[in-house]
């Protein structure tokens, strides 16, 4: 698994799916607040006038020269919950991001957010 500091260095690099198809460009990393480990990335996708940031899990992701390869198909990522390029993920929408990828979601013991942008 990546260290949060290491993966931030990949901002601006291509994100590709398991078949090597370009999904978009890595914009930011969200860590799991319970572990402070990278958990999701946001990928800039869409047409130049309608860009948005889609969420994709970093589990089983690998890095190569100039790219980050994620374990999910391009079409799944493009249908994932997204935010505006200058937006933030509201706490109320976190469960939908996890559900899209069939991942379990549980807020912190005190109801804290599960994801934090780094």
PDB file of N, CA and C in Angstrom:
ATOM      1  N   UNK A   1       0.846  -1.184   0.000  1.00  0.00           N
ATOM      2  CA  UNK A   1       0.000   0.000   0.000  1.00  0.00           C
ATOM      3  C   UNK A   1       0.884   1.237   0.000  1.00  0.00           C
ATOM      4  N   UNK A   2       0.372   2.297  -0.533  1.00  0.00           N
ATOM      5  CA  UNK A   2       1.099   3.554  -0.634  1.00  0.00           C
ATOM      6  C   UNK A   2       1.102   4.302   0.687  1.00  0.00           C
ATOM      7  N   UNK A   3       2.127   5.063   0.901  1.00  0.00           N
ATOM      8  CA  UNK A   3       2.136   6.024   1.999  1.00  0.00           C
ATOM      9  C   UNK A   3       1.494   7.301   1.462  1.00  0.00           C
ATOM     10  N   UNK A   4       0.792   8.021   2.310  1.00  0.00           N
ATOM     11  CA  UNK A   4       0.081   9.224   1.873  1.00  0.00           C
ATOM     12  C   UNK A   4       1.029  10.224   1.216  1.00  0.00           C
ATOM     13  N   UNK A   5       2.213  10.398   1.769  1.00  0.00           N
ATOM     14  CA  UNK A   5       3.174  11.345   1.202  1.00  0.00           C
ATOM     15  C   UNK A   5       3.636  10.937  -0.173  1.00  0.00           C
ATOM     16  N   UNK A   6       3.796   9.645  -0.393  1.00  0.00           N
ATOM     17  CA  UNK A   6       4.266   9.160  -1.683  1.00  0.00           C
ATOM     18  C   UNK A   6       3.229   9.345  -2.783  1.00  0.00           C
ATOM     19  N   UNK A   7       1.990   9.021  -2.496  1.00  0.00           N
ATOM     20  CA  UNK A   7       0.961   9.074  -3.527  1.00  0.00           C
ATOM     21  C   UNK A   7       0.663  10.511  -3.933  1.00  0.00           C
ATOM     22  N   UNK A   8       0.824  11.476  -3.021  1.00  0.00           N
ATOM     23  CA  UNK A   8       0.584  12.875  -3.387  1.00  0.00           C
ATOM     24  C   UNK A   8       1.530  13.319  -4.489  1.00  0.00           C
ATOM     25  N   UNK A   9       2.699  12.711  -4.556  1.00  0.00           N
ATOM     26  CA  UNK A   9       3.660  13.054  -5.593  1.00  0.00           C
ATOM     27  C   UNK A   9       3.160  12.671  -6.987  1.00  0.00           C
ATOM     28  N   UNK A  10       2.136  11.855  -7.058  1.00  0.00           N
ATOM     29  CA  UNK A  10       1.594  11.403  -8.338  1.00  0.00           C
ATOM     30  C   UNK A  10       0.503  12.314  -8.868  1.00  0.00           C
ATOM     31  N   UNK A  11       0.157  13.382  -8.120  1.00  0.00           N
ATOM     32  CA  UNK A  11      -0.864  14.316  -8.606  1.00  0.00           C
ATOM     33  C   UNK A  11      -0.492  14.816  -9.993  1.00  0.00           C
ATOM     34  N   UNK A  12      -1.495  14.851 -10.868  1.00  0.00           N
ATOM     35  CA  UNK A  12      -1.266  15.306 -12.232  1.00  0.00           C
ATOM     36  C   UNK A  12      -0.889  14.196 -13.189  1.00  0.00           C
ATOM     37  N   UNK A  13      -0.620  12.989 -12.674  1.00  0.00           N
ATOM     38  CA  UNK A  13      -0.287  11.853 -13.536  1.00  0.00           C
ATOM     39  C   UNK A  13      -1.572  11.159 -14.006  1.00  0.00           C
ATOM     40  N   UNK A  14      -1.455  10.415 -15.080  1.00  0.00           N
ATOM     41  CA  UNK A  14      -2.597   9.675 -15.595  1.00  0.00           C
ATOM     42  C   UNK A  14      -3.029   8.590 -14.612  1.00  0.00           C
ATOM     43  N   UNK A  15      -4.323   8.338 -14.582  1.00  0.00           N
ATOM     44  CA  UNK A  15      -4.888   7.206 -13.856  1.00  0.00           C
ATOM     45  C   UNK A  15      -5.457   6.283 -14.926  1.00  0.00           C
ATOM     46  N   UNK A  16      -5.057   5.015 -14.885  1.00  0.00           N
ATOM     47  CA  UNK A  16      -5.512   4.038 -15.877  1.00  0.00           C
ATOM     48  C   UNK A  16      -6.210   2.891 -15.160  1.00  0.00           C
ATOM     49  N   UNK A  17      -7.071   2.194 -15.915  1.00  0.00           N
ATOM     50  CA  UNK A  17      -7.757   1.051 -15.325  1.00  0.00           C
ATOM     51  C   UNK A  17      -6.900  -0.200 -15.462  1.00  0.00           C
ATOM     52  N   UNK A  18      -7.413  -1.323 -15.020  1.00  0.00           N
ATOM     53  CA  UNK A  18      -6.633  -2.563 -15.019  1.00  0.00           C
ATOM     54  C   UNK A  18      -6.223  -2.996 -16.420  1.00  0.00           C
ATOM     55  N   UNK A  19      -6.945  -2.540 -17.441  1.00  0.00           N
ATOM     56  CA  UNK A  19      -6.598  -2.865 -18.822  1.00  0.00           C
ATOM     57  C   UNK A  19      -5.673  -1.846 -19.467  1.00  0.00           C
ATOM     58  N   UNK A  20      -5.270  -0.822 -18.702  1.00  0.00           N
ATOM     59  CA  UNK A  20      -4.375   0.205 -19.218  1.00  0.00           C
ATOM     60  C   UNK A  20      -5.064   1.358 -19.916  1.00  0.00           C
ATOM     61  N   UNK A  21      -6.398   1.396 -19.873  1.00  0.00           N
ATOM     62  CA  UNK A  21      -7.155   2.485 -20.503  1.00  0.00           C
ATOM     63  C   UNK A  21      -7.163   3.702 -19.598  1.00  0.00           C
ATOM     64  N   UNK A  22      -6.849   4.861 -20.167  1.00  0.00           N
ATOM     65  CA  UNK A  22      -6.806   6.084 -19.380  1.00  0.00           C
ATOM     66  C   UNK A  22      -8.202   6.468 -18.898  1.00  0.00           C
ATOM     67  N   UNK A  23      -8.289   6.728 -17.587  1.00  0.00           N
ATOM     68  CA  UNK A  23      -9.539   7.177 -16.979  1.00  0.00           C
ATOM     69  C   UNK A  23      -9.532   8.692 -16.882  1.00  0.00           C
ATOM     70  N   UNK A  24      -8.417   9.244 -16.423  1.00  0.00           N
ATOM     71  CA  UNK A  24      -8.296  10.682 -16.228  1.00  0.00           C
ATOM     72  C   UNK A  24      -6.973  10.996 -15.558  1.00  0.00           C
ATOM     73  N   UNK A  25      -6.952  12.079 -14.790  1.00  0.00           N
ATOM     74  CA  UNK A  25      -5.731  12.556 -14.145  1.00  0.00           C
ATOM     75  C   UNK A  25      -5.944  12.575 -12.631  1.00  0.00           C
ATOM     76  N   UNK A  26      -4.953  12.115 -11.881  1.00  0.00           N
ATOM     77  CA  UNK A  26      -5.034  12.103 -10.423  1.00  0.00           C
ATOM     78  C   UNK A  26      -5.070  13.531  -9.893  1.00  0.00           C
ATOM     79  N   UNK A  27      -6.117  13.846  -9.114  1.00  0.00           N
ATOM     80  CA  UNK A  27      -6.253  15.187  -8.567  1.00  0.00           C
ATOM     81  C   UNK A  27      -5.887  15.225  -7.090  1.00  0.00           C
ATOM     82  N   UNK A  28      -6.421  14.296  -6.299  1.00  0.00           N
ATOM     83  CA  UNK A  28      -6.110  14.305  -4.870  1.00  0.00           C
ATOM     84  C   UNK A  28      -6.302  12.920  -4.264  1.00  0.00           C
ATOM     85  N   UNK A  29      -5.884  12.819  -3.010  1.00  0.00           N
ATOM     86  CA  UNK A  29      -5.955  11.566  -2.275  1.00  0.00           C
ATOM     87  C   UNK A  29      -6.784  11.791  -1.013  1.00  0.00           C
ATOM     88  N   UNK A  30      -7.644  10.843  -0.710  1.00  0.00           N
ATOM     89  CA  UNK A  30      -8.427  10.854   0.518  1.00  0.00           C
ATOM     90  C   UNK A  30      -7.948   9.690   1.373  1.00  0.00           C
ATOM     91  N   UNK A  31      -7.700   9.972   2.635  1.00  0.00           N
ATOM     92  CA  UNK A  31      -7.243   8.932   3.546  1.00  0.00           C
ATOM     93  C   UNK A  31      -8.395   8.476   4.431  1.00  0.00           C
ATOM     94  N   UNK A  32      -8.276   7.256   4.924  1.00  0.00           N
ATOM     95  CA  UNK A  32      -9.206   6.715   5.907  1.00  0.00           C
ATOM     96  C   UNK A  32      -8.855   7.374   7.236  1.00  0.00           C
ATOM     97  N   UNK A  33      -9.792   8.069   7.832  1.00  0.00           N
ATOM     98  CA  UNK A  33      -9.494   8.807   9.061  1.00  0.00           C
ATOM     99  C   UNK A  33      -9.136   7.891  10.230  1.00  0.00           C
ATOM    100  N   UNK A  34      -9.537   6.638  10.183  1.00  0.00           N
ATOM    101  CA  UNK A  34      -9.215   5.702  11.267  1.00  0.00           C
ATOM    102  C   UNK A  34      -7.759   5.252  11.208  1.00  0.00           C
ATOM    103  N   UNK A  35      -7.199   5.178   9.993  1.00  0.00           N
ATOM    104  CA  UNK A  35      -5.840   4.649   9.834  1.00  0.00           C
ATOM    105  C   UNK A  35      -4.851   5.665   9.271  1.00  0.00           C
ATOM    106  N   UNK A  36      -5.353   6.761   8.723  1.00  0.00           N
ATOM    107  CA  UNK A  36      -4.551   7.775   8.040  1.00  0.00           C
ATOM    108  C   UNK A  36      -3.803   7.201   6.835  1.00  0.00           C
ATOM    109  N   UNK A  37      -4.357   6.150   6.252  1.00  0.00           N
ATOM    110  CA  UNK A  37      -3.780   5.527   5.061  1.00  0.00           C
ATOM    111  C   UNK A  37      -4.578   5.942   3.828  1.00  0.00           C
ATOM    112  N   UNK A  38      -3.915   6.093   2.681  1.00  0.00           N
ATOM    113  CA  UNK A  38      -4.641   6.421   1.452  1.00  0.00           C
ATOM    114  C   UNK A  38      -5.723   5.381   1.170  1.00  0.00           C
ATOM    115  N   UNK A  39      -6.916   5.854   0.871  1.00  0.00           N
ATOM    116  CA  UNK A  39      -8.036   4.944   0.653  1.00  0.00           C
ATOM    117  C   UNK A  39      -8.736   5.192  -0.676  1.00  0.00           C
ATOM    118  N   UNK A  40      -8.911   6.446  -1.043  1.00  0.00           N
ATOM    119  CA  UNK A  40      -9.531   6.825  -2.312  1.00  0.00           C
ATOM    120  C   UNK A  40      -8.684   7.880  -2.998  1.00  0.00           C
ATOM    121  N   UNK A  41      -8.819   7.937  -4.308  1.00  0.00           N
ATOM    122  CA  UNK A  41      -8.248   9.025  -5.099  1.00  0.00           C
ATOM    123  C   UNK A  41      -9.398   9.688  -5.829  1.00  0.00           C
ATOM    124  N   UNK A  42      -9.222  10.963  -6.157  1.00  0.00           N
ATOM    125  CA  UNK A  42     -10.165  11.599  -7.059  1.00  0.00           C
ATOM    126  C   UNK A  42      -9.451  11.770  -8.389  1.00  0.00           C
ATOM    127  N   UNK A  43     -10.194  11.497  -9.448  1.00  0.00           N
ATOM    128  CA  UNK A  43      -9.678  11.524 -10.806  1.00  0.00           C
ATOM    129  C   UNK A  43     -10.462  12.562 -11.602  1.00  0.00           C
ATOM    130  N   UNK A  44      -9.761  13.466 -12.258  1.00  0.00           N
ATOM    131  CA  UNK A  44     -10.410  14.467 -13.098  1.00  0.00           C
ATOM    132  C   UNK A  44     -10.883  13.780 -14.377  1.00  0.00           C
ATOM    133  N   UNK A  45     -12.199  13.824 -14.604  1.00  0.00           N
ATOM    134  CA  UNK A  45     -12.780  13.210 -15.796  1.00  0.00           C
ATOM    135  C   UNK A  45     -13.756  14.189 -16.434  1.00  0.00           C
ATOM    136  N   UNK A  46     -14.172  13.887 -17.656  1.00  0.00           N
ATOM    137  CA  UNK A  46     -15.177  14.692 -18.332  1.00  0.00           C
ATOM    138  C   UNK A  46     -14.587  15.597 -19.396  1.00  0.00           C
ATOM    139  N   UNK A  47     -15.492  16.260 -20.080  1.00  0.00           N
ATOM    140  CA  UNK A  47     -15.112  17.193 -21.135  1.00  0.00           C
ATOM    141  C   UNK A  47     -14.535  18.463 -20.502  1.00  0.00           C
ATOM    142  N   UNK A  48     -13.698  19.194 -21.224  1.00  0.00           N
ATOM    143  CA  UNK A  48     -13.079  20.397 -20.651  1.00  0.00           C
ATOM    144  C   UNK A  48     -14.059  21.385 -20.022  1.00  0.00           C
ATOM    145  N   UNK A  49     -15.244  21.518 -20.560  1.00  0.00           N
ATOM    146  CA  UNK A  49     -16.203  22.468 -19.998  1.00  0.00           C
ATOM    147  C   UNK A  49     -17.058  21.860 -18.888  1.00  0.00           C
ATOM    148  N   UNK A  50     -16.967  20.548 -18.707  1.00  0.00           N
ATOM    149  CA  UNK A  50     -17.773  19.870 -17.684  1.00  0.00           C
ATOM    150  C   UNK A  50     -16.936  18.877 -16.879  1.00  0.00           C
ATOM    151  N   UNK A  51     -15.781  19.285 -16.446  1.00  0.00           N
ATOM    152  CA  UNK A  51     -14.916  18.400 -15.663  1.00  0.00           C
ATOM    153  C   UNK A  51     -15.489  18.181 -14.269  1.00  0.00           C
ATOM    154  N   UNK A  52     -15.215  17.001 -13.742  1.00  0.00           N
ATOM    155  CA  UNK A  52     -15.614  16.660 -12.380  1.00  0.00           C
ATOM    156  C   UNK A  52     -14.589  15.707 -11.802  1.00  0.00           C
ATOM    157  N   UNK A  53     -14.672  15.483 -10.511  1.00  0.00           N
ATOM    158  CA  UNK A  53     -13.748  14.589  -9.821  1.00  0.00           C
ATOM    159  C   UNK A  53     -14.499  13.339  -9.391  1.00  0.00           C
ATOM    160  N   UNK A  54     -14.121  12.190  -9.943  1.00  0.00           N
ATOM    161  CA  UNK A  54     -14.732  10.914  -9.585  1.00  0.00           C
ATOM    162  C   UNK A  54     -13.848  10.213  -8.560  1.00  0.00           C
ATOM    163  N   UNK A  55     -14.486   9.493  -7.661  1.00  0.00           N
ATOM    164  CA  UNK A  55     -13.764   8.770  -6.618  1.00  0.00           C
ATOM    165  C   UNK A  55     -13.466   7.345  -7.071  1.00  0.00           C
ATOM    166  N   UNK A  56     -12.250   6.869  -6.744  1.00  0.00           N
ATOM    167  CA  UNK A  56     -11.861   5.493  -7.039  1.00  0.00           C
ATOM    168  C   UNK A  56     -11.003   4.972  -5.881  1.00  0.00           C
ATOM    169  N   UNK A  57     -11.298   3.748  -5.409  1.00  0.00           N
ATOM    170  CA  UNK A  57     -10.500   3.179  -4.322  1.00  0.00           C
ATOM    171  C   UNK A  57      -9.058   2.929  -4.747  1.00  0.00           C
ATOM    172  N   UNK A  58      -8.152   3.042  -3.783  1.00  0.00           N
ATOM    173  CA  UNK A  58      -6.733   2.798  -4.046  1.00  0.00           C
ATOM    174  C   UNK A  58      -6.291   1.378  -3.687  1.00  0.00           C
ATOM    175  N   UNK A  59      -7.205   0.564  -3.173  1.00  0.00           N
ATOM    176  CA  UNK A  59      -6.855  -0.823  -2.859  1.00  0.00           C
ATOM    177  C   UNK A  59      -6.371  -1.516  -4.134  1.00  0.00           C
ATOM    178  N   UNK A  60      -5.252  -2.194  -4.044  1.00  0.00           N
ATOM    179  CA  UNK A  60      -4.645  -2.939  -5.155  1.00  0.00           C
ATOM    180  C   UNK A  60      -4.162  -2.054  -6.299  1.00  0.00           C
ATOM    181  N   UNK A  61      -4.047  -0.752  -6.077  1.00  0.00           N
ATOM    182  CA  UNK A  61      -3.502   0.143  -7.111  1.00  0.00           C
ATOM    183  C   UNK A  61      -1.988  -0.032  -7.180  1.00  0.00           C
ATOM    184  N   UNK A  62      -1.441   0.191  -8.363  1.00  0.00           N
ATOM    185  CA  UNK A  62       0.003   0.111  -8.572  1.00  0.00           C
ATOM    186  C   UNK A  62       0.458   1.348  -9.333  1.00  0.00           C
ATOM    187  N   UNK A  63       1.735   1.657  -9.200  1.00  0.00           N
ATOM    188  CA  UNK A  63       2.280   2.792  -9.931  1.00  0.00           C
ATOM    189  C   UNK A  63       3.250   2.304 -10.995  1.00  0.00           C
ATOM    190  N   UNK A  64       3.314   3.065 -12.075  1.00  0.00           N
ATOM    191  CA  UNK A  64       4.252   2.797 -13.152  1.00  0.00           C
ATOM    192  C   UNK A  64       4.865   4.122 -13.567  1.00  0.00           C
ATOM    193  N   UNK A  65       5.660   4.112 -14.590  1.00  0.00           N
ATOM    194  CA  UNK A  65       6.290   5.369 -15.016  1.00  0.00           C
ATOM    195  C   UNK A  65       5.244   6.366 -15.535  1.00  0.00           C
ATOM    196  N   UNK A  66       4.885   7.324 -14.690  1.00  0.00           N
ATOM    197  CA  UNK A  66       3.957   8.374 -15.102  1.00  0.00           C
ATOM    198  C   UNK A  66       2.497   8.034 -14.993  1.00  0.00           C
ATOM    199  N   UNK A  67       2.142   6.927 -14.346  1.00  0.00           N
ATOM    200  CA  UNK A  67       0.729   6.593 -14.206  1.00  0.00           C
ATOM    201  C   UNK A  67       0.447   5.855 -12.907  1.00  0.00           C
ATOM    202  N   UNK A  68      -0.814   5.885 -12.522  1.00  0.00           N
ATOM    203  CA  UNK A  68      -1.338   5.123 -11.401  1.00  0.00           C
ATOM    204  C   UNK A  68      -2.379   4.183 -11.980  1.00  0.00           C
ATOM    205  N   UNK A  69      -2.205   2.889 -11.759  1.00  0.00           N
ATOM    206  CA  UNK A  69      -3.154   1.899 -12.273  1.00  0.00           C
ATOM    207  C   UNK A  69      -4.051   1.446 -11.128  1.00  0.00           C
ATOM    208  N   UNK A  70      -5.366   1.616 -11.299  1.00  0.00           N
ATOM    209  CA  UNK A  70      -6.335   1.210 -10.285  1.00  0.00           C
ATOM    210  C   UNK A  70      -6.963  -0.119 -10.686  1.00  0.00           C
ATOM    211  N   UNK A  71      -7.578  -0.775  -9.728  1.00  0.00           N
ATOM    212  CA  UNK A  71      -8.122  -2.113  -9.951  1.00  0.00           C
ATOM    213  C   UNK A  71      -9.544  -2.107 -10.509  1.00  0.00           C
ATOM    214  N   UNK A  72     -10.041  -0.947 -10.901  1.00  0.00           N
ATOM    215  CA  UNK A  72     -11.422  -0.836 -11.363  1.00  0.00           C
ATOM    216  C   UNK A  72     -11.477  -0.410 -12.824  1.00  0.00           C
ATOM    217  N   UNK A  73     -12.496  -0.904 -13.523  1.00  0.00           N
ATOM    218  CA  UNK A  73     -12.697  -0.593 -14.930  1.00  0.00           C
ATOM    219  C   UNK A  73     -13.080   0.880 -15.119  1.00  0.00           C
ATOM    220  N   UNK A  74     -12.623   1.431 -16.216  1.00  0.00           N
ATOM    221  CA  UNK A  74     -12.874   2.834 -16.559  1.00  0.00           C
ATOM    222  C   UNK A  74     -14.367   3.183 -16.477  1.00  0.00           C
ATOM    223  N   UNK A  75     -15.229   2.322 -16.980  1.00  0.00           N
ATOM    224  CA  UNK A  75     -16.665   2.610 -16.990  1.00  0.00           C
ATOM    225  C   UNK A  75     -17.255   2.653 -15.584  1.00  0.00           C
ATOM    226  N   UNK A  76     -16.740   1.837 -14.688  1.00  0.00           N
ATOM    227  CA  UNK A  76     -17.209   1.853 -13.300  1.00  0.00           C
ATOM    228  C   UNK A  76     -16.797   3.161 -12.633  1.00  0.00           C
ATOM    229  N   UNK A  77     -15.555   3.583 -12.858  1.00  0.00           N
ATOM    230  CA  UNK A  77     -15.057   4.820 -12.257  1.00  0.00           C
ATOM    231  C   UNK A  77     -15.837   6.017 -12.789  1.00  0.00           C
ATOM    232  N   UNK A  78     -16.107   6.044 -14.072  1.00  0.00           N
ATOM    233  CA  UNK A  78     -16.811   7.186 -14.657  1.00  0.00           C
ATOM    234  C   UNK A  78     -18.246   7.310 -14.146  1.00  0.00           C
ATOM    235  N   UNK A  79     -18.824   6.212 -13.645  1.00  0.00           N
ATOM    236  CA  UNK A  79     -20.177   6.242 -13.092  1.00  0.00           C
ATOM    237  C   UNK A  79     -20.172   6.432 -11.577  1.00  0.00           C
ATOM    238  N   UNK A  80     -18.988   6.553 -10.993  1.00  0.00           N
ATOM    239  CA  UNK A  80     -18.858   6.700  -9.541  1.00  0.00           C
ATOM    240  C   UNK A  80     -19.357   8.059  -9.076  1.00  0.00           C
ATOM    241  N   UNK A  81     -19.715   8.165  -7.809  1.00  0.00           N
ATOM    242  CA  UNK A  81     -20.058   9.479  -7.261  1.00  0.00           C
ATOM    243  C   UNK A  81     -18.911  10.454  -7.501  1.00  0.00           C
ATOM    244  N   UNK A  82     -19.273  11.702  -7.750  1.00  0.00           N
ATOM    245  CA  UNK A  82     -18.256  12.701  -8.068  1.00  0.00           C
ATOM    246  C   UNK A  82     -18.616  14.038  -7.430  1.00  0.00           C
ATOM    247  N   UNK A  83     -17.644  14.938  -7.474  1.00  0.00           N
ATOM    248  CA  UNK A  83     -17.821  16.297  -6.969  1.00  0.00           C
ATOM    249  C   UNK A  83     -17.301  17.258  -8.027  1.00  0.00           C
ATOM    250  N   UNK A  84     -17.656  18.535  -7.890  1.00  0.00           N
ATOM    251  CA  UNK A  84     -17.106  19.550  -8.787  1.00  0.00           C
ATOM    252  C   UNK A  84     -15.598  19.644  -8.578  1.00  0.00           C
ATOM    253  N   UNK A  85     -14.892  20.146  -9.573  1.00  0.00           N
ATOM    254  CA  UNK A  85     -13.433  20.233  -9.476  1.00  0.00           C
ATOM    255  C   UNK A  85     -12.972  21.120  -8.333  1.00  0.00           C
ATOM    256  N   UNK A  86     -13.811  22.032  -7.874  1.00  0.00           N
ATOM    257  CA  UNK A  86     -13.446  22.866  -6.729  1.00  0.00           C
ATOM    258  C   UNK A  86     -14.310  22.538  -5.511  1.00  0.00           C
ATOM    259  N   UNK A  87     -14.977  21.371  -5.553  1.00  0.00           N
ATOM    260  CA  UNK A  87     -15.889  20.995  -4.479  1.00  0.00           C
ATOM    261  C   UNK A  87     -15.254  20.126  -3.416  1.00  0.00           C
ATOM    262  N   UNK A  88     -16.053  19.854  -2.400  1.00  0.00           N
ATOM    263  CA  UNK A  88     -15.668  18.961  -1.315  1.00  0.00           C
ATOM    264  C   UNK A  88     -16.734  17.886  -1.187  1.00  0.00           C
ATOM    265  N   UNK A  89     -16.320  16.720  -0.716  1.00  0.00           N
ATOM    266  CA  UNK A  89     -17.258  15.629  -0.510  1.00  0.00           C
ATOM    267  C   UNK A  89     -18.023  15.857   0.795  1.00  0.00           C
ATOM    268  N   UNK A  90     -19.342  16.081   0.717  1.00  0.00           N
ATOM    269  CA  UNK A  90     -20.117  16.240   1.953  1.00  0.00           C
ATOM    270  C   UNK A  90     -20.131  14.920   2.732  1.00  0.00           C
ATOM    271  N   UNK A  91     -20.115  15.012   4.054  1.00  0.00           N
ATOM    272  CA  UNK A  91     -20.127  13.815   4.902  1.00  0.00           C
ATOM    273  C   UNK A  91     -21.330  12.923   4.585  1.00  0.00           C
ATOM    274  N   UNK A  92     -22.455  13.530   4.232  1.00  0.00           N
ATOM    275  CA  UNK A  92     -23.664  12.759   3.946  1.00  0.00           C
ATOM    276  C   UNK A  92     -23.551  11.917   2.678  1.00  0.00           C
ATOM    277  N   UNK A  93     -22.574  12.231   1.807  1.00  0.00           N
ATOM    278  CA  UNK A  93     -22.415  11.489   0.563  1.00  0.00           C
ATOM    279  C   UNK A  93     -21.320  10.422   0.629  1.00  0.00           C
ATOM    280  N   UNK A  94     -20.599  10.355   1.744  1.00  0.00           N
ATOM    281  CA  UNK A  94     -19.559   9.336   1.879  1.00  0.00           C
ATOM    282  C   UNK A  94     -20.097   7.915   1.693  1.00  0.00           C
ATOM    283  N   UNK A  95     -21.239   7.560   2.316  1.00  0.00           N
ATOM    284  CA  UNK A  95     -21.731   6.191   2.144  1.00  0.00           C
ATOM    285  C   UNK A  95     -21.965   5.799   0.685  1.00  0.00           C
ATOM    286  N   UNK A  96     -22.400   6.740  -0.155  1.00  0.00           N
ATOM    287  CA  UNK A  96     -22.656   6.444  -1.569  1.00  0.00           C
ATOM    288  C   UNK A  96     -21.367   6.103  -2.311  1.00  0.00           C
ATOM    289  N   UNK A  97     -20.269   6.747  -1.931  1.00  0.00           N
ATOM    290  CA  UNK A  97     -18.979   6.458  -2.569  1.00  0.00           C
ATOM    291  C   UNK A  97     -18.578   5.015  -2.269  1.00  0.00           C
ATOM    292  N   UNK A  98     -18.724   4.609  -1.019  1.00  0.00           N
ATOM    293  CA  UNK A  98     -18.385   3.241  -0.626  1.00  0.00           C
ATOM    294  C   UNK A  98     -19.327   2.243  -1.293  1.00  0.00           C
ATOM    295  N   UNK A  99     -20.628   2.548  -1.303  1.00  0.00           N
ATOM    296  CA  UNK A  99     -21.625   1.642  -1.874  1.00  0.00           C
ATOM    297  C   UNK A  99     -21.388   1.406  -3.360  1.00  0.00           C
ATOM    298  N   UNK A 100     -20.968   2.433  -4.091  1.00  0.00           N
ATOM    299  CA  UNK A 100     -20.729   2.285  -5.523  1.00  0.00           C
ATOM    300  C   UNK A 100     -19.725   1.172  -5.810  1.00  0.00           C
ATOM    301  N   UNK A 101     -18.751   1.015  -4.944  1.00  0.00           N
ATOM    302  CA  UNK A 101     -17.718  -0.015  -5.116  1.00  0.00           C
ATOM    303  C   UNK A 101     -17.957  -1.240  -4.227  1.00  0.00           C
ATOM    304  N   UNK A 102     -19.151  -1.349  -3.670  1.00  0.00           N
ATOM    305  CA  UNK A 102     -19.529  -2.469  -2.791  1.00  0.00           C
ATOM    306  C   UNK A 102     -18.563  -2.623  -1.614  1.00  0.00           C
ATOM    307  N   UNK A 103     -18.145  -1.496  -1.043  1.00  0.00           N
ATOM    308  CA  UNK A 103     -17.266  -1.505   0.121  1.00  0.00           C
ATOM    309  C   UNK A 103     -18.069  -1.152   1.365  1.00  0.00           C
ATOM    310  N   UNK A 104     -17.715  -1.755   2.486  1.00  0.00           N
ATOM    311  CA  UNK A 104     -18.400  -1.475   3.741  1.00  0.00           C
ATOM    312  C   UNK A 104     -18.098  -0.049   4.194  1.00  0.00           C
ATOM    313  N   UNK A 105     -19.120   0.582   4.740  1.00  0.00           N
ATOM    314  CA  UNK A 105     -18.946   1.942   5.250  1.00  0.00           C
ATOM    315  C   UNK A 105     -19.353   1.997   6.710  1.00  0.00           C
ATOM    316  N   UNK A 106     -18.525   2.615   7.520  1.00  0.00           N
ATOM    317  CA  UNK A 106     -18.850   2.862   8.920  1.00  0.00           C
ATOM    318  C   UNK A 106     -18.159   4.154   9.332  1.00  0.00           C
ATOM    319  N   UNK A 107     -18.929   5.125   9.848  1.00  0.00           N
ATOM    320  CA  UNK A 107     -18.282   6.357  10.326  1.00  0.00           C
ATOM    321  C   UNK A 107     -17.488   6.051  11.593  1.00  0.00           C
ATOM    322  N   UNK A 108     -16.710   7.020  12.038  1.00  0.00           N
ATOM    323  CA  UNK A 108     -15.942   6.847  13.262  1.00  0.00           C
ATOM    324  C   UNK A 108     -16.850   6.581  14.451  1.00  0.00           C
ATOM    325  N   UNK A 109     -16.277   6.111  15.554  1.00  0.00           N
ATOM    326  CA  UNK A 109     -17.043   5.758  16.749  1.00  0.00           C
ATOM    327  C   UNK A 109     -17.896   6.930  17.247  1.00  0.00           C
ATOM    328  N   UNK A 110     -17.413   8.140  17.081  1.00  0.00           N
ATOM    329  CA  UNK A 110     -18.164   9.312  17.507  1.00  0.00           C
ATOM    330  C   UNK A 110     -18.927   9.955  16.356  1.00  0.00           C
ATOM    331  N   UNK A 111     -19.108   9.226  15.255  1.00  0.00           N
ATOM    332  CA  UNK A 111     -19.803   9.746  14.091  1.00  0.00           C
ATOM    333  C   UNK A 111     -18.927  10.579  13.172  1.00  0.00           C
ATOM    334  N   UNK A 112     -17.594  10.501  13.367  1.00  0.00           N
ATOM    335  CA  UNK A 112     -16.676  11.283  12.540  1.00  0.00           C
ATOM    336  C   UNK A 112     -16.704  10.811  11.089  1.00  0.00           C
ATOM    337  N   UNK A 113     -16.250  11.705  10.241  1.00  0.00           N
ATOM    338  CA  UNK A 113     -16.126  11.371   8.817  1.00  0.00           C
ATOM    339  C   UNK A 113     -15.176  10.196   8.651  1.00  0.00           C
ATOM    340  N   UNK A 114     -15.364   9.462   7.582  1.00  0.00           N
ATOM    341  CA  UNK A 114     -14.496   8.321   7.287  1.00  0.00           C
ATOM    342  C   UNK A 114     -13.355   8.729   6.370  1.00  0.00           C
ATOM    343  N   UNK A 115     -13.571   9.764   5.541  1.00  0.00           N
ATOM    344  CA  UNK A 115     -12.560  10.176   4.570  1.00  0.00           C
ATOM    345  C   UNK A 115     -12.112  11.606   4.829  1.00  0.00           C
ATOM    346  N   UNK A 116     -10.816  11.830   4.619  1.00  0.00           N
ATOM    347  CA  UNK A 116     -10.264  13.175   4.734  1.00  0.00           C
ATOM    348  C   UNK A 116      -9.316  13.416   3.568  1.00  0.00           C
ATOM    349  N   UNK A 117      -9.435  14.563   2.956  1.00  0.00           N
ATOM    350  CA  UNK A 117      -8.574  14.897   1.820  1.00  0.00           C
ATOM    351  C   UNK A 117      -7.184  15.295   2.306  1.00  0.00           C
ATOM    352  N   UNK A 118      -6.170  14.801   1.633  1.00  0.00           N
ATOM    353  CA  UNK A 118      -4.784  15.141   1.975  1.00  0.00           C
ATOM    354  C   UNK A 118      -4.104  15.749   0.784  1.00  0.00           C
TER     355      UNK A 118
END
